Amino acid sequence: MWRLIAFALGLAGPATLAMAQTNLPVARTEIWDLALGANMDTQPTDFVDFACGNGGGPPSLPLGGWADFKRCKPEASGLREVYFRYDDELEYWARANNLPGEIDRYGGTKTYGFPIVTSALIAEDGVLRGLRIVSDPRYDANRDEAYLLKNFLSARFGRENWICQDLPPDEGETAVDGLFIKQRCAKDLDDGKTATMLVRHLRKAGQARVDPRSGKTTVNQFESLVRFEIVMK
């Protein structure tokens, strides 16, 4: 709300002012603007809500920015995960100007239109060694299509030469309306990086389309997920 007030008072930030002055959409900084192999003190800083990551889940310890990455516990790989979120300044600009298309474009932390949880994987020496993207299950809109993010990510890094393995269902795992996906994919990239994806679209044990006790259709009793990582070797 304060950003709406700031806009009305002429106190908005540079991105908002640029849009107001030119009436042209500008690109906001996203996870793809981070440079693997570069030190964190050279990376873009116009993100918000920095925190220690939690394996691609909800954030934990709040941080002041990239410089605080050593406050996060290293993962098994030795890398430290720093969660961040896209700045919502442009979304507030769009809302203040009642622009539905721009609201959708700039709303939330997304890639290819899919809500995501984003984090950076940082080495002890402060070099960015990896990126992690996990589809965000907190958004109900099109939540059942989250697994389709795989198609966009695989296309971004070239559809060829992905090695994918279909994994068997664990006990109690079933299809969602006839569709069962449990797949692990990996690809070695030409520039010394490895991309991996875990794709899931299934019902876990105990989940069902219809509640056996009430006979009513359940809501969101399924998992549709893409977990993507790109890491320097």
C-alpha atoms as a PDB file:
ATOM      1  CA  MET A   1       0.000   0.000   0.000  1.00  0.00           C
ATOM      2  CA  TRP A   2       2.788   2.442   0.808  1.00  0.00           C
ATOM      3  CA  ARG A   3       4.067   2.156  -2.764  1.00  0.00           C
ATOM      4  CA  LEU A   4       0.687   3.298  -4.069  1.00  0.00           C
ATOM      5  CA  ILE A   5       0.866   6.268  -1.732  1.00  0.00           C
ATOM      6  CA  ALA A   6       4.458   6.937  -2.786  1.00  0.00           C
ATOM      7  CA  PHE A   7       3.443   6.885  -6.431  1.00  0.00           C
ATOM      8  CA  ALA A   8       0.652   9.387  -5.781  1.00  0.00           C
ATOM      9  CA  LEU A   9       3.065  11.665  -3.913  1.00  0.00           C
ATOM     10  CA  GLY A  10       5.786  11.400  -6.544  1.00  0.00           C
ATOM     11  CA  LEU A  11       8.066   9.372  -4.296  1.00  0.00           C
ATOM     12  CA  ALA A  12       8.215   6.200  -6.356  1.00  0.00           C
ATOM     13  CA  GLY A  13      11.461   4.447  -7.228  1.00  0.00           C
ATOM     14  CA  PRO A  14      13.465   4.755 -10.470  1.00  0.00           C
ATOM     15  CA  ALA A  15      11.777   1.870 -12.285  1.00  0.00           C
ATOM     16  CA  THR A  16       8.324   3.260 -11.575  1.00  0.00           C
ATOM     17  CA  LEU A  17       9.378   6.766 -12.561  1.00  0.00           C
ATOM     18  CA  ALA A  18      10.855   5.468 -15.814  1.00  0.00           C
ATOM     19  CA  MET A  19       7.566   3.862 -16.730  1.00  0.00           C
ATOM     20  CA  ALA A  20       5.595   6.931 -15.717  1.00  0.00           C
ATOM     21  CA  GLN A  21       7.799   9.197 -17.829  1.00  0.00           C
ATOM     22  CA  THR A  22       7.928   7.057 -20.958  1.00  0.00           C
ATOM     23  CA  ASN A  23       4.634   5.137 -20.757  1.00  0.00           C
ATOM     24  CA  LEU A  24       6.648   2.144 -21.954  1.00  0.00           C
ATOM     25  CA  PRO A  25       7.043  -1.137 -20.062  1.00  0.00           C
ATOM     26  CA  VAL A  26      10.511  -1.803 -18.696  1.00  0.00           C
ATOM     27  CA  ALA A  27      12.066  -5.123 -17.845  1.00  0.00           C
ATOM     28  CA  ARG A  28      12.365  -5.960 -14.180  1.00  0.00           C
ATOM     29  CA  THR A  29      15.330  -7.887 -12.861  1.00  0.00           C
ATOM     30  CA  GLU A  30      14.759 -11.649 -12.704  1.00  0.00           C
ATOM     31  CA  ILE A  31      16.716 -14.740 -11.717  1.00  0.00           C
ATOM     32  CA  TRP A  32      18.057 -15.084 -15.265  1.00  0.00           C
ATOM     33  CA  ASP A  33      19.895 -11.772 -14.816  1.00  0.00           C
ATOM     34  CA  LEU A  34      22.211 -13.353 -12.242  1.00  0.00           C
ATOM     35  CA  ALA A  35      25.600 -14.331 -13.685  1.00  0.00           C
ATOM     36  CA  LEU A  36      26.942 -17.752 -12.747  1.00  0.00           C
ATOM     37  CA  GLY A  37      30.655 -17.680 -12.015  1.00  0.00           C
ATOM     38  CA  ALA A  38      30.629 -14.045 -10.909  1.00  0.00           C
ATOM     39  CA  ASN A  39      31.095 -12.777  -7.369  1.00  0.00           C
ATOM     40  CA  MET A  40      27.992 -11.771  -5.457  1.00  0.00           C
ATOM     41  CA  ASP A  41      29.201  -8.205  -5.047  1.00  0.00           C
ATOM     42  CA  THR A  42      28.757  -7.760  -8.823  1.00  0.00           C
ATOM     43  CA  GLN A  43      25.251  -9.258  -9.015  1.00  0.00           C
ATOM     44  CA  PRO A  44      22.003  -7.268  -9.338  1.00  0.00           C
ATOM     45  CA  THR A  45      20.653  -6.140  -5.980  1.00  0.00           C
ATOM     46  CA  ASP A  46      17.154  -4.986  -6.937  1.00  0.00           C
ATOM     47  CA  PHE A  47      15.431  -7.956  -5.346  1.00  0.00           C
ATOM     48  CA  VAL A  48      13.600  -8.044  -2.011  1.00  0.00           C
ATOM     49  CA  ASP A  49      13.090 -10.278   1.036  1.00  0.00           C
ATOM     50  CA  PHE A  50      16.545 -11.850   1.043  1.00  0.00           C
ATOM     51  CA  ALA A  51      16.709 -14.802   3.440  1.00  0.00           C
ATOM     52  CA  CYS A  52      18.451 -18.102   3.976  1.00  0.00           C
ATOM     53  CA  GLY A  53      16.871 -20.681   1.718  1.00  0.00           C
ATOM     54  CA  ASN A  54      15.234 -23.878   2.825  1.00  0.00           C
ATOM     55  CA  GLY A  55      15.814 -26.334   0.009  1.00  0.00           C
ATOM     56  CA  GLY A  56      13.582 -24.390  -2.327  1.00  0.00           C
ATOM     57  CA  GLY A  57      10.862 -24.061   0.293  1.00  0.00           C
ATOM     58  CA  PRO A  58       9.732 -21.110   2.412  1.00  0.00           C
ATOM     59  CA  PRO A  59      12.518 -18.746   3.535  1.00  0.00           C
ATOM     60  CA  SER A  60      14.083 -18.925   6.980  1.00  0.00           C
ATOM     61  CA  LEU A  61      16.567 -16.442   8.497  1.00  0.00           C
ATOM     62  CA  PRO A  62      16.084 -12.923   7.012  1.00  0.00           C
ATOM     63  CA  LEU A  63      19.156 -11.343   5.409  1.00  0.00           C
ATOM     64  CA  GLY A  64      20.073  -7.811   4.464  1.00  0.00           C
ATOM     65  CA  GLY A  65      21.290  -8.834   1.006  1.00  0.00           C
ATOM     66  CA  TRP A  66      23.797 -10.991  -0.848  1.00  0.00           C
ATOM     67  CA  ALA A  67      26.615  -9.922   1.477  1.00  0.00           C
ATOM     68  CA  ASP A  68      25.027 -11.829   4.369  1.00  0.00           C
ATOM     69  CA  PHE A  69      25.137 -15.219   2.611  1.00  0.00           C
ATOM     70  CA  LYS A  70      27.571 -16.735   5.130  1.00  0.00           C
ATOM     71  CA  ARG A  71      24.869 -16.537   7.787  1.00  0.00           C
ATOM     72  CA  CYS A  72      23.184 -19.431   5.955  1.00  0.00           C
ATOM     73  CA  LYS A  73      24.143 -23.021   6.698  1.00  0.00           C
ATOM     74  CA  PRO A  74      25.930 -24.774   3.810  1.00  0.00           C
ATOM     75  CA  GLU A  75      24.096 -27.549   2.016  1.00  0.00           C
ATOM     76  CA  ALA A  76      25.698 -30.960   1.478  1.00  0.00           C
ATOM     77  CA  SER A  77      27.304 -29.545  -1.674  1.00  0.00           C
ATOM     78  CA  GLY A  78      29.005 -26.841   0.392  1.00  0.00           C
ATOM     79  CA  LEU A  79      26.932 -24.132  -1.298  1.00  0.00           C
ATOM     80  CA  ARG A  80      24.763 -21.734   0.694  1.00  0.00           C
ATOM     81  CA  GLU A  81      21.220 -21.073  -0.483  1.00  0.00           C
ATOM     82  CA  VAL A  82      19.941 -17.496  -0.444  1.00  0.00           C
ATOM     83  CA  TYR A  83      16.247 -17.014  -1.128  1.00  0.00           C
ATOM     84  CA  PHE A  84      15.021 -13.818  -2.784  1.00  0.00           C
ATOM     85  CA  ARG A  85      11.882 -12.425  -4.331  1.00  0.00           C
ATOM     86  CA  TYR A  86      11.297 -10.112  -7.291  1.00  0.00           C
ATOM     87  CA  ASP A  87      10.709  -6.459  -6.470  1.00  0.00           C
ATOM     88  CA  ASP A  88       6.992  -5.653  -6.736  1.00  0.00           C
ATOM     89  CA  GLU A  89       7.455  -1.945  -7.494  1.00  0.00           C
ATOM     90  CA  LEU A  90       6.335  -2.340 -11.114  1.00  0.00           C
ATOM     91  CA  GLU A  91       3.281  -4.326 -10.057  1.00  0.00           C
ATOM     92  CA  TYR A  92       2.221  -1.452  -7.812  1.00  0.00           C
ATOM     93  CA  TRP A  93       2.786   0.970 -10.685  1.00  0.00           C
ATOM     94  CA  ALA A  94       0.489  -1.138 -12.865  1.00  0.00           C
ATOM     95  CA  ARG A  95      -2.167  -1.330 -10.149  1.00  0.00           C
ATOM     96  CA  ALA A  96      -2.026   2.423  -9.604  1.00  0.00           C
ATOM     97  CA  ASN A  97      -2.662   2.879 -13.332  1.00  0.00           C
ATOM     98  CA  ASN A  98      -5.273   0.087 -13.584  1.00  0.00           C
ATOM     99  CA  LEU A  99      -3.390  -1.868 -16.249  1.00  0.00           C
ATOM    100  CA  PRO A 100      -4.517  -5.535 -15.994  1.00  0.00           C
ATOM    101  CA  GLY A 101      -1.996  -6.830 -18.516  1.00  0.00           C
ATOM    102  CA  GLU A 102       0.922  -5.191 -16.753  1.00  0.00           C
ATOM    103  CA  ILE A 103      -0.396  -6.315 -13.358  1.00  0.00           C
ATOM    104  CA  ASP A 104      -0.222  -9.897 -14.581  1.00  0.00           C
ATOM    105  CA  ARG A 105       3.179  -9.339 -16.195  1.00  0.00           C
ATOM    106  CA  TYR A 106       4.795  -7.835 -13.111  1.00  0.00           C
ATOM    107  CA  GLY A 107       2.779  -9.570 -10.386  1.00  0.00           C
ATOM    108  CA  GLY A 108       4.647 -11.959  -8.115  1.00  0.00           C
ATOM    109  CA  THR A 109       7.860 -13.875  -8.659  1.00  0.00           C
ATOM    110  CA  LYS A 110       7.350 -15.823 -11.885  1.00  0.00           C
ATOM    111  CA  THR A 111       9.075 -17.280 -14.891  1.00  0.00           C
ATOM    112  CA  TYR A 112       7.193 -17.994 -18.112  1.00  0.00           C
ATOM    113  CA  GLY A 113       4.040 -17.065 -16.195  1.00  0.00           C
ATOM    114  CA  PHE A 114       4.520 -19.746 -13.518  1.00  0.00           C
ATOM    115  CA  PRO A 115       4.837 -18.677  -9.847  1.00  0.00           C
ATOM    116  CA  ILE A 116       8.201 -19.826  -8.503  1.00  0.00           C
ATOM    117  CA  VAL A 117      10.444 -19.840  -5.457  1.00  0.00           C
ATOM    118  CA  THR A 118      13.877 -18.509  -6.424  1.00  0.00           C
ATOM    119  CA  SER A 119      17.253 -18.846  -4.757  1.00  0.00           C
ATOM    120  CA  ALA A 120      20.960 -18.437  -5.430  1.00  0.00           C
ATOM    121  CA  LEU A 121      23.541 -21.084  -4.536  1.00  0.00           C
ATOM    122  CA  ILE A 122      26.715 -19.379  -3.353  1.00  0.00           C
ATOM    123  CA  ALA A 123      30.177 -20.831  -2.728  1.00  0.00           C
ATOM    124  CA  GLU A 124      32.341 -20.035   0.287  1.00  0.00           C
ATOM    125  CA  ASP A 125      34.390 -17.570  -1.765  1.00  0.00           C
ATOM    126  CA  GLY A 126      31.282 -15.539  -2.619  1.00  0.00           C
ATOM    127  CA  VAL A 127      30.968 -16.780  -6.198  1.00  0.00           C
ATOM    128  CA  LEU A 128      27.531 -17.668  -7.557  1.00  0.00           C
ATOM    129  CA  ARG A 129      27.741 -21.349  -8.458  1.00  0.00           C
ATOM    130  CA  GLY A 130      24.097 -22.229  -9.019  1.00  0.00           C
ATOM    131  CA  LEU A 131      20.460 -21.186  -9.389  1.00  0.00           C
ATOM    132  CA  ARG A 132      17.429 -22.979  -7.989  1.00  0.00           C
ATOM    133  CA  ILE A 133      13.844 -22.606  -9.184  1.00  0.00           C
ATOM    134  CA  VAL A 134      10.926 -24.461  -7.593  1.00  0.00           C
ATOM    135  CA  SER A 135       7.311 -24.052  -8.652  1.00  0.00           C
ATOM    136  CA  ASP A 136       5.402 -22.274  -5.875  1.00  0.00           C
ATOM    137  CA  PRO A 137       2.407 -24.294  -4.598  1.00  0.00           C
ATOM    138  CA  ARG A 138       0.984 -21.335  -2.645  1.00  0.00           C
ATOM    139  CA  TYR A 139      -0.807 -19.998  -5.743  1.00  0.00           C
ATOM    140  CA  ASP A 140      -4.094 -21.752  -6.518  1.00  0.00           C
ATOM    141  CA  ALA A 141      -4.501 -20.296 -10.024  1.00  0.00           C
ATOM    142  CA  ASN A 142      -3.379 -22.948 -12.543  1.00  0.00           C
ATOM    143  CA  ARG A 143      -1.673 -24.841  -9.741  1.00  0.00           C
ATOM    144  CA  ASP A 144      -2.506 -28.120 -11.473  1.00  0.00           C
ATOM    145  CA  GLU A 145      -0.441 -27.051 -14.492  1.00  0.00           C
ATOM    146  CA  ALA A 146       2.814 -26.387 -12.633  1.00  0.00           C
ATOM    147  CA  TYR A 147       4.423 -29.484 -14.160  1.00  0.00           C
ATOM    148  CA  LEU A 148       4.235 -27.795 -17.590  1.00  0.00           C
ATOM    149  CA  LEU A 149       7.022 -25.431 -16.532  1.00  0.00           C
ATOM    150  CA  LYS A 150       9.347 -28.280 -17.537  1.00  0.00           C
ATOM    151  CA  ASN A 151       8.633 -27.626 -21.213  1.00  0.00           C
ATOM    152  CA  PHE A 152       9.713 -23.979 -20.998  1.00  0.00           C
ATOM    153  CA  LEU A 153      12.857 -24.672 -18.992  1.00  0.00           C
ATOM    154  CA  SER A 154      13.979 -27.534 -21.215  1.00  0.00           C
ATOM    155  CA  ALA A 155      13.423 -25.325 -24.277  1.00  0.00           C
ATOM    156  CA  ARG A 156      15.459 -22.489 -22.733  1.00  0.00           C
ATOM    157  CA  PHE A 157      18.503 -24.741 -22.502  1.00  0.00           C
ATOM    158  CA  GLY A 158      17.817 -26.715 -25.677  1.00  0.00           C
ATOM    159  CA  ARG A 159      15.409 -29.607 -25.973  1.00  0.00           C
ATOM    160  CA  GLU A 160      18.065 -32.023 -27.184  1.00  0.00           C
ATOM    161  CA  ASN A 161      20.243 -34.307 -25.048  1.00  0.00           C
ATOM    162  CA  TRP A 162      18.196 -34.247 -21.871  1.00  0.00           C
ATOM    163  CA  ILE A 163      18.485 -37.621 -20.129  1.00  0.00           C
ATOM    164  CA  CYS A 164      15.213 -38.351 -18.369  1.00  0.00           C
ATOM    165  CA  GLN A 165      14.256 -41.230 -16.106  1.00  0.00           C
ATOM    166  CA  ASP A 166      10.683 -42.114 -15.218  1.00  0.00           C
ATOM    167  CA  LEU A 167      10.603 -43.045 -11.547  1.00  0.00           C
ATOM    168  CA  PRO A 168       8.252 -45.699 -10.147  1.00  0.00           C
ATOM    169  CA  PRO A 169       5.462 -44.625  -7.799  1.00  0.00           C
ATOM    170  CA  ASP A 170       6.079 -44.963  -4.097  1.00  0.00           C
ATOM    171  CA  GLU A 171       3.474 -46.746  -2.040  1.00  0.00           C
ATOM    172  CA  GLY A 172       0.188 -44.840  -2.157  1.00  0.00           C
ATOM    173  CA  GLU A 173       1.143 -42.545  -5.036  1.00  0.00           C
ATOM    174  CA  THR A 174      -1.490 -42.402  -7.783  1.00  0.00           C
ATOM    175  CA  ALA A 175      -2.333 -40.506 -10.954  1.00  0.00           C
ATOM    176  CA  VAL A 176      -4.177 -37.179 -11.075  1.00  0.00           C
ATOM    177  CA  ASP A 177      -7.173 -37.648 -13.361  1.00  0.00           C
ATOM    178  CA  GLY A 178      -5.279 -40.304 -15.300  1.00  0.00           C
ATOM    179  CA  LEU A 179      -1.956 -38.478 -15.463  1.00  0.00           C
ATOM    180  CA  PHE A 180       1.047 -39.668 -13.442  1.00  0.00           C
ATOM    181  CA  ILE A 181       4.408 -37.942 -13.835  1.00  0.00           C
ATOM    182  CA  LYS A 182       7.424 -38.635 -11.674  1.00  0.00           C
ATOM    183  CA  GLN A 183      10.539 -37.892 -13.648  1.00  0.00           C
ATOM    184  CA  ARG A 184      14.139 -36.867 -13.120  1.00  0.00           C
ATOM    185  CA  CYS A 185      16.025 -35.175 -15.975  1.00  0.00           C
ATOM    186  CA  ALA A 186      19.577 -33.912 -16.405  1.00  0.00           C
ATOM    187  CA  LYS A 187      21.663 -32.279 -19.103  1.00  0.00           C
ATOM    188  CA  ASP A 188      25.326 -31.308 -19.350  1.00  0.00           C
ATOM    189  CA  LEU A 189      25.581 -27.866 -20.909  1.00  0.00           C
ATOM    190  CA  ASP A 190      28.393 -26.772 -23.213  1.00  0.00           C
ATOM    191  CA  ASP A 191      29.686 -24.119 -20.820  1.00  0.00           C
ATOM    192  CA  GLY A 192      30.584 -26.470 -17.972  1.00  0.00           C
ATOM    193  CA  LYS A 193      27.251 -26.348 -16.187  1.00  0.00           C
ATOM    194  CA  THR A 194      24.775 -29.073 -15.344  1.00  0.00           C
ATOM    195  CA  ALA A 195      21.018 -28.588 -15.407  1.00  0.00           C
ATOM    196  CA  THR A 196      18.708 -30.938 -13.496  1.00  0.00           C
ATOM    197  CA  MET A 197      14.949 -31.138 -13.162  1.00  0.00           C
ATOM    198  CA  LEU A 198      12.583 -33.104 -10.984  1.00  0.00           C
ATOM    199  CA  VAL A 199       9.026 -33.131 -12.315  1.00  0.00           C
ATOM    200  CA  ARG A 200       6.068 -34.458 -10.328  1.00  0.00           C
ATOM    201  CA  HIS A 201       2.335 -34.546 -11.046  1.00  0.00           C
ATOM    202  CA  LEU A 202       0.643 -37.058  -8.793  1.00  0.00           C
ATOM    203  CA  ARG A 203      -1.388 -37.711  -5.688  1.00  0.00           C
ATOM    204  CA  LYS A 204       0.607 -38.665  -2.641  1.00  0.00           C
ATOM    205  CA  ALA A 205      -0.449 -41.338  -0.179  1.00  0.00           C
ATOM    206  CA  GLY A 206      -3.659 -40.260   1.556  1.00  0.00           C
ATOM    207  CA  GLN A 207      -4.678 -37.822  -1.157  1.00  0.00           C
ATOM    208  CA  ALA A 208      -7.744 -38.420  -3.309  1.00  0.00           C
ATOM    209  CA  ARG A 209     -10.015 -36.619  -5.748  1.00  0.00           C
ATOM    210  CA  VAL A 210     -13.038 -37.442  -3.608  1.00  0.00           C
ATOM    211  CA  ASP A 211     -13.022 -37.518   0.177  1.00  0.00           C
ATOM    212  CA  PRO A 212     -14.035 -41.101   1.065  1.00  0.00           C
ATOM    213  CA  ARG A 213     -15.738 -39.938   4.265  1.00  0.00           C
ATOM    214  CA  SER A 214     -17.758 -36.989   2.996  1.00  0.00           C
ATOM    215  CA  GLY A 215     -18.059 -37.932  -0.663  1.00  0.00           C
ATOM    216  CA  LYS A 216     -17.170 -34.364  -1.598  1.00  0.00           C
ATOM    217  CA  THR A 217     -14.571 -33.346  -4.168  1.00  0.00           C
ATOM    218  CA  THR A 218     -11.312 -32.372  -2.499  1.00  0.00           C
ATOM    219  CA  VAL A 219      -9.361 -29.188  -3.169  1.00  0.00           C
ATOM    220  CA  ASN A 220      -5.671 -29.252  -4.082  1.00  0.00           C
ATOM    221  CA  GLN A 221      -5.088 -32.812  -2.928  1.00  0.00           C
ATOM    222  CA  PHE A 222      -2.321 -33.404  -5.435  1.00  0.00           C
ATOM    223  CA  GLU A 223       1.237 -32.356  -6.121  1.00  0.00           C
ATOM    224  CA  SER A 224       2.266 -30.623  -9.336  1.00  0.00           C
ATOM    225  CA  LEU A 225       5.886 -29.552  -9.150  1.00  0.00           C
ATOM    226  CA  VAL A 226       9.021 -28.679 -11.076  1.00  0.00           C
ATOM    227  CA  ARG A 227      12.320 -28.386  -9.242  1.00  0.00           C
ATOM    228  CA  PHE A 228      15.068 -26.999 -11.457  1.00  0.00           C
ATOM    229  CA  GLU A 229      18.737 -26.355 -10.730  1.00  0.00           C
ATOM    230  CA  ILE A 230      21.630 -25.207 -12.834  1.00  0.00           C
ATOM    231  CA  VAL A 231      25.040 -25.583 -11.192  1.00  0.00           C
ATOM    232  CA  MET A 232      28.591 -24.961 -12.320  1.00  0.00           C
ATOM    233  CA  LYS A 233      30.779 -28.034 -12.281  1.00  0.00           C
END
